[in-house]
């Protein structure tokens, strides 16, 4: 378990360095957002994932990750928007199925728009 924690800490340091070197790296923002989400730092995750999507809006994975963090925060309408956008960028079949299921679940909770 300690090795896993050390790897996460090392990843955090590498990503912080990457963002210092290139503050407009969509990949570094996305990875930092995923890491923050894993650590349940949801606000930080949203900030980095939004930046990643802003910098490179065509990436289905970043939209998918952002949608799940928003969902976990209870921001269901915005999560649904990101899930729908994710489908526009040709996600892998398994991811597409997961996204459709998430959209259906959100629609059941708050209604269809």
N, C-alpha and C. Protein backbone atom coordinates (compact mmCIF):
# COMPACT_ATOMS: atom_id res chain seq x y z
N UNK A 1 0.83 -1.19 0.00
CA UNK A 1 0.00 0.00 0.00
C UNK A 1 0.88 1.26 0.00
N UNK A 2 1.96 1.23 0.73
CA UNK A 2 2.84 2.39 0.79
C UNK A 2 3.42 2.69 -0.60
N UNK A 3 3.75 1.65 -1.36
CA UNK A 3 4.29 1.85 -2.70
C UNK A 3 3.29 2.58 -3.58
N UNK A 4 2.02 2.22 -3.49
CA UNK A 4 0.99 2.89 -4.28
C UNK A 4 0.90 4.36 -3.88
N UNK A 5 0.94 4.64 -2.59
CA UNK A 5 0.89 6.04 -2.13
C UNK A 5 2.10 6.81 -2.62
N UNK A 6 3.26 6.19 -2.61
CA UNK A 6 4.46 6.85 -3.10
C UNK A 6 4.34 7.14 -4.60
N UNK A 7 3.74 6.22 -5.34
CA UNK A 7 3.56 6.44 -6.78
C UNK A 7 2.61 7.60 -7.04
N UNK A 8 1.53 7.69 -6.26
CA UNK A 8 0.60 8.81 -6.41
C UNK A 8 1.30 10.13 -6.08
N UNK A 9 2.10 10.12 -5.00
CA UNK A 9 2.83 11.34 -4.64
C UNK A 9 3.82 11.73 -5.73
N UNK A 10 4.49 10.75 -6.29
CA UNK A 10 5.43 11.03 -7.38
C UNK A 10 4.69 11.57 -8.61
N UNK A 11 3.55 10.97 -8.91
CA UNK A 11 2.75 11.43 -10.04
C UNK A 11 2.32 12.88 -9.83
N UNK A 12 1.91 13.20 -8.62
CA UNK A 12 1.49 14.57 -8.31
C UNK A 12 2.63 15.55 -8.55
N UNK A 13 3.83 15.20 -8.11
CA UNK A 13 4.99 16.07 -8.31
C UNK A 13 5.33 16.24 -9.79
N UNK A 14 5.28 15.16 -10.53
CA UNK A 14 5.56 15.22 -11.97
C UNK A 14 4.54 16.11 -12.67
N UNK A 15 3.27 15.96 -12.31
CA UNK A 15 2.23 16.77 -12.95
C UNK A 15 2.35 18.24 -12.58
N UNK A 16 2.69 18.52 -11.35
CA UNK A 16 2.90 19.91 -10.94
C UNK A 16 4.04 20.53 -11.73
N UNK A 17 5.11 19.76 -11.92
CA UNK A 17 6.24 20.24 -12.71
C UNK A 17 5.83 20.45 -14.16
N UNK A 18 5.08 19.52 -14.70
CA UNK A 18 4.63 19.64 -16.09
C UNK A 18 3.80 20.90 -16.28
N UNK A 19 2.93 21.21 -15.33
CA UNK A 19 2.10 22.40 -15.46
C UNK A 19 2.91 23.68 -15.28
N UNK A 20 3.99 23.61 -14.50
CA UNK A 20 4.87 24.78 -14.39
C UNK A 20 5.59 25.03 -15.71
N UNK A 21 5.96 23.95 -16.39
CA UNK A 21 6.67 24.08 -17.66
C UNK A 21 5.73 24.48 -18.80
N UNK A 22 4.50 23.99 -18.74
CA UNK A 22 3.53 24.29 -19.80
C UNK A 22 2.14 24.37 -19.17
N UNK A 23 1.76 25.56 -18.78
CA UNK A 23 0.48 25.76 -18.08
C UNK A 23 -0.71 25.55 -19.01
N UNK A 24 -0.46 25.41 -20.30
CA UNK A 24 -1.54 25.20 -21.27
C UNK A 24 -1.58 23.76 -21.80
N UNK A 25 -0.99 22.85 -21.07
CA UNK A 25 -1.00 21.44 -21.48
C UNK A 25 -2.33 20.80 -21.09
N UNK A 26 -3.15 20.51 -22.08
CA UNK A 26 -4.44 19.88 -21.79
C UNK A 26 -4.24 18.52 -21.13
N UNK A 27 -3.19 17.81 -21.58
CA UNK A 27 -2.94 16.48 -21.03
C UNK A 27 -2.55 16.55 -19.55
N UNK A 28 -1.68 17.49 -19.20
CA UNK A 28 -1.26 17.63 -17.81
C UNK A 28 -2.44 18.07 -16.93
N UNK A 29 -3.25 18.99 -17.42
CA UNK A 29 -4.43 19.39 -16.65
C UNK A 29 -5.38 18.21 -16.47
N UNK A 30 -5.57 17.46 -17.54
CA UNK A 30 -6.46 16.30 -17.44
C UNK A 30 -5.95 15.27 -16.45
N UNK A 31 -4.68 14.96 -16.53
CA UNK A 31 -4.10 13.99 -15.61
C UNK A 31 -4.16 14.49 -14.17
N UNK A 32 -3.90 15.78 -13.97
CA UNK A 32 -3.99 16.36 -12.63
C UNK A 32 -5.43 16.28 -12.13
N UNK A 33 -6.39 16.51 -13.01
CA UNK A 33 -7.79 16.41 -12.63
C UNK A 33 -8.20 15.00 -12.25
N UNK A 34 -7.72 14.04 -13.02
CA UNK A 34 -8.02 12.63 -12.71
C UNK A 34 -7.41 12.25 -11.37
N UNK A 35 -6.18 12.68 -11.13
CA UNK A 35 -5.51 12.41 -9.86
C UNK A 35 -6.29 13.04 -8.70
N UNK A 36 -6.68 14.30 -8.87
CA UNK A 36 -7.44 14.99 -7.81
C UNK A 36 -8.78 14.28 -7.56
N UNK A 37 -9.43 13.84 -8.61
CA UNK A 37 -10.68 13.10 -8.45
C UNK A 37 -10.47 11.81 -7.68
N UNK A 38 -9.39 11.11 -7.99
CA UNK A 38 -9.06 9.87 -7.28
C UNK A 38 -8.87 10.14 -5.78
N UNK A 39 -8.32 11.30 -5.49
CA UNK A 39 -8.07 11.68 -4.09
C UNK A 39 -9.27 12.38 -3.45
N UNK A 40 -10.39 12.41 -4.17
CA UNK A 40 -11.65 13.01 -3.69
C UNK A 40 -11.53 14.52 -3.47
N UNK A 41 -10.63 15.16 -4.16
CA UNK A 41 -10.51 16.62 -4.16
C UNK A 41 -11.31 17.11 -5.36
N UNK A 42 -12.63 17.10 -5.21
CA UNK A 42 -13.50 17.28 -6.35
C UNK A 42 -13.43 18.67 -6.98
N UNK A 43 -13.30 19.71 -6.16
CA UNK A 43 -13.21 21.06 -6.72
C UNK A 43 -11.95 21.20 -7.57
N UNK A 44 -10.84 20.70 -7.05
CA UNK A 44 -9.59 20.76 -7.80
C UNK A 44 -9.70 19.93 -9.08
N UNK A 45 -10.35 18.78 -8.97
CA UNK A 45 -10.54 17.92 -10.14
C UNK A 45 -11.34 18.65 -11.21
N UNK A 46 -12.43 19.30 -10.82
CA UNK A 46 -13.26 20.03 -11.77
C UNK A 46 -12.46 21.15 -12.43
N UNK A 47 -11.69 21.88 -11.65
CA UNK A 47 -10.90 22.98 -12.20
C UNK A 47 -9.95 22.49 -13.29
N UNK A 48 -9.22 21.43 -13.00
CA UNK A 48 -8.25 20.92 -13.98
C UNK A 48 -8.93 20.26 -15.18
N UNK A 49 -10.00 19.52 -14.93
CA UNK A 49 -10.68 18.86 -16.03
C UNK A 49 -11.38 19.86 -16.94
N UNK A 50 -11.95 20.92 -16.36
CA UNK A 50 -12.55 21.98 -17.19
C UNK A 50 -11.48 22.62 -18.07
N UNK A 51 -10.32 22.86 -17.50
CA UNK A 51 -9.23 23.47 -18.27
C UNK A 51 -8.80 22.52 -19.39
N UNK A 52 -8.70 21.24 -19.11
CA UNK A 52 -8.33 20.27 -20.13
C UNK A 52 -9.33 20.27 -21.28
N UNK A 53 -10.62 20.30 -20.94
CA UNK A 53 -11.67 20.32 -21.96
C UNK A 53 -11.64 21.63 -22.74
N UNK A 54 -11.39 22.72 -22.05
CA UNK A 54 -11.28 24.02 -22.71
C UNK A 54 -10.13 24.02 -23.72
N UNK A 55 -9.00 23.45 -23.32
CA UNK A 55 -7.82 23.45 -24.18
C UNK A 55 -7.92 22.45 -25.33
N UNK A 56 -8.60 21.34 -25.08
CA UNK A 56 -8.74 20.32 -26.12
C UNK A 56 -10.13 19.69 -26.00
N UNK A 57 -11.13 20.34 -26.57
CA UNK A 57 -12.52 19.90 -26.40
C UNK A 57 -12.87 18.61 -27.11
N UNK A 58 -12.00 18.08 -27.94
CA UNK A 58 -12.32 16.88 -28.72
C UNK A 58 -12.03 15.58 -27.99
N UNK A 59 -11.52 15.64 -26.77
CA UNK A 59 -11.13 14.43 -26.06
C UNK A 59 -12.30 13.86 -25.26
N UNK A 60 -12.77 12.70 -25.65
CA UNK A 60 -13.90 12.06 -24.98
C UNK A 60 -13.56 11.66 -23.54
N UNK A 61 -12.33 11.25 -23.29
CA UNK A 61 -11.95 10.80 -21.96
C UNK A 61 -12.03 11.93 -20.94
N UNK A 62 -11.53 13.10 -21.29
CA UNK A 62 -11.57 14.23 -20.36
C UNK A 62 -13.00 14.65 -20.06
N UNK A 63 -13.85 14.65 -21.09
CA UNK A 63 -15.26 14.98 -20.87
C UNK A 63 -15.92 13.93 -19.98
N UNK A 64 -15.58 12.68 -20.20
CA UNK A 64 -16.10 11.57 -19.39
C UNK A 64 -15.69 11.74 -17.93
N UNK A 65 -14.43 12.02 -17.70
CA UNK A 65 -13.94 12.19 -16.33
C UNK A 65 -14.60 13.41 -15.67
N UNK A 66 -14.70 14.52 -16.41
CA UNK A 66 -15.34 15.71 -15.89
C UNK A 66 -16.79 15.42 -15.54
N UNK A 67 -17.48 14.72 -16.41
CA UNK A 67 -18.88 14.40 -16.16
C UNK A 67 -19.05 13.60 -14.86
N UNK A 68 -18.20 12.62 -14.64
CA UNK A 68 -18.33 11.82 -13.42
C UNK A 68 -18.04 12.63 -12.16
N UNK A 69 -17.07 13.52 -12.23
CA UNK A 69 -16.79 14.37 -11.06
C UNK A 69 -17.98 15.29 -10.79
N UNK A 70 -18.52 15.88 -11.85
CA UNK A 70 -19.70 16.75 -11.68
C UNK A 70 -20.87 15.96 -11.10
N UNK A 71 -21.04 14.74 -11.56
CA UNK A 71 -22.10 13.88 -11.06
C UNK A 71 -21.90 13.64 -9.56
N UNK A 72 -20.67 13.35 -9.18
CA UNK A 72 -20.37 13.12 -7.76
C UNK A 72 -20.60 14.35 -6.91
N UNK A 73 -20.53 15.52 -7.53
CA UNK A 73 -20.80 16.77 -6.82
C UNK A 73 -22.29 17.09 -6.80
N UNK A 74 -23.09 16.32 -7.48
CA UNK A 74 -24.53 16.58 -7.54
C UNK A 74 -24.92 17.57 -8.63
N UNK A 75 -23.99 17.92 -9.50
CA UNK A 75 -24.27 18.84 -10.61
C UNK A 75 -24.75 18.02 -11.81
N UNK A 76 -25.97 17.51 -11.69
CA UNK A 76 -26.45 16.52 -12.64
C UNK A 76 -26.68 17.07 -14.04
N UNK A 77 -27.23 18.26 -14.16
CA UNK A 77 -27.47 18.81 -15.50
C UNK A 77 -26.16 19.04 -16.25
N UNK A 78 -25.20 19.59 -15.56
CA UNK A 78 -23.90 19.83 -16.21
C UNK A 78 -23.19 18.51 -16.51
N UNK A 79 -23.33 17.55 -15.61
CA UNK A 79 -22.74 16.23 -15.86
C UNK A 79 -23.36 15.62 -17.11
N UNK A 80 -24.69 15.73 -17.23
CA UNK A 80 -25.36 15.19 -18.41
C UNK A 80 -24.86 15.87 -19.68
N UNK A 81 -24.66 17.19 -19.63
CA UNK A 81 -24.14 17.91 -20.80
C UNK A 81 -22.78 17.36 -21.22
N UNK A 82 -21.92 17.12 -20.23
CA UNK A 82 -20.58 16.58 -20.54
C UNK A 82 -20.66 15.15 -21.05
N UNK A 83 -21.55 14.34 -20.46
CA UNK A 83 -21.72 12.98 -20.97
C UNK A 83 -22.19 13.01 -22.42
N UNK A 84 -23.16 13.87 -22.72
CA UNK A 84 -23.66 13.98 -24.10
C UNK A 84 -22.55 14.43 -25.04
N UNK A 85 -21.77 15.41 -24.60
CA UNK A 85 -20.66 15.88 -25.43
C UNK A 85 -19.64 14.76 -25.65
N UNK A 86 -19.43 13.97 -24.64
CA UNK A 86 -18.49 12.84 -24.75
C UNK A 86 -18.88 11.93 -25.91
N UNK A 87 -20.18 11.69 -26.07
CA UNK A 87 -20.63 10.80 -27.15
C UNK A 87 -20.33 11.37 -28.53
N UNK A 88 -20.21 12.69 -28.63
CA UNK A 88 -19.90 13.33 -29.92
C UNK A 88 -18.47 13.09 -30.37
N UNK A 89 -17.62 12.64 -29.47
CA UNK A 89 -16.20 12.50 -29.79
C UNK A 89 -15.74 11.05 -29.84
N UNK A 90 -16.65 10.19 -30.23
CA UNK A 90 -16.36 8.78 -30.50
C UNK A 90 -15.61 8.06 -29.39
N UNK A 91 -16.24 7.93 -28.24
CA UNK A 91 -15.58 7.16 -27.18
C UNK A 91 -15.52 5.68 -27.55
N UNK A 92 -14.68 4.96 -26.85
CA UNK A 92 -14.62 3.51 -27.04
C UNK A 92 -16.00 2.92 -26.75
N UNK A 93 -16.34 1.77 -27.37
CA UNK A 93 -17.67 1.19 -27.18
C UNK A 93 -18.08 0.97 -25.72
N UNK A 94 -17.18 0.47 -24.91
CA UNK A 94 -17.51 0.24 -23.49
C UNK A 94 -17.78 1.56 -22.79
N UNK A 95 -16.97 2.57 -23.10
CA UNK A 95 -17.17 3.88 -22.50
C UNK A 95 -18.49 4.49 -22.97
N UNK A 96 -18.81 4.33 -24.24
CA UNK A 96 -20.07 4.86 -24.79
C UNK A 96 -21.26 4.22 -24.09
N UNK A 97 -21.19 2.92 -23.85
CA UNK A 97 -22.29 2.24 -23.15
C UNK A 97 -22.43 2.77 -21.72
N UNK A 98 -21.31 2.97 -21.04
CA UNK A 98 -21.32 3.52 -19.69
C UNK A 98 -21.92 4.93 -19.68
N UNK A 99 -21.55 5.72 -20.67
CA UNK A 99 -22.06 7.10 -20.77
C UNK A 99 -23.55 7.10 -21.02
N UNK A 100 -24.02 6.26 -21.91
CA UNK A 100 -25.47 6.20 -22.18
C UNK A 100 -26.23 5.79 -20.93
N UNK A 101 -25.68 4.85 -20.19
CA UNK A 101 -26.31 4.42 -18.94
C UNK A 101 -26.36 5.58 -17.94
N UNK A 102 -25.27 6.33 -17.83
CA UNK A 102 -25.22 7.47 -16.91
C UNK A 102 -26.25 8.52 -17.31
N UNK A 103 -26.36 8.80 -18.60
CA UNK A 103 -27.34 9.79 -19.08
C UNK A 103 -28.75 9.32 -18.73
N UNK A 104 -29.02 8.05 -18.94
CA UNK A 104 -30.35 7.51 -18.63
C UNK A 104 -30.64 7.63 -17.14
N UNK A 105 -29.65 7.36 -16.32
CA UNK A 105 -29.85 7.46 -14.87
C UNK A 105 -30.10 8.91 -14.44
N UNK A 106 -29.35 9.83 -15.02
CA UNK A 106 -29.58 11.24 -14.71
C UNK A 106 -30.97 11.66 -15.18
N UNK A 107 -31.35 11.23 -16.37
CA UNK A 107 -32.68 11.56 -16.88
C UNK A 107 -33.78 11.06 -15.96
N UNK A 108 -33.60 9.88 -15.39
CA UNK A 108 -34.57 9.35 -14.43
C UNK A 108 -34.65 10.22 -13.18
N UNK A 109 -33.53 10.72 -12.73
CA UNK A 109 -33.49 11.54 -11.51
C UNK A 109 -34.08 12.93 -11.70
N UNK A 110 -33.73 13.57 -12.82
CA UNK A 110 -34.13 14.98 -12.96
C UNK A 110 -35.03 15.24 -14.14
N UNK A 111 -35.33 14.23 -14.92
CA UNK A 111 -36.18 14.42 -16.09
C UNK A 111 -35.37 14.68 -17.34
N UNK A 112 -36.01 14.50 -18.46
CA UNK A 112 -35.36 14.64 -19.75
C UNK A 112 -35.51 16.08 -20.24
N UNK A 113 -34.42 16.60 -20.80
CA UNK A 113 -34.46 17.93 -21.42
C UNK A 113 -34.07 17.81 -22.86
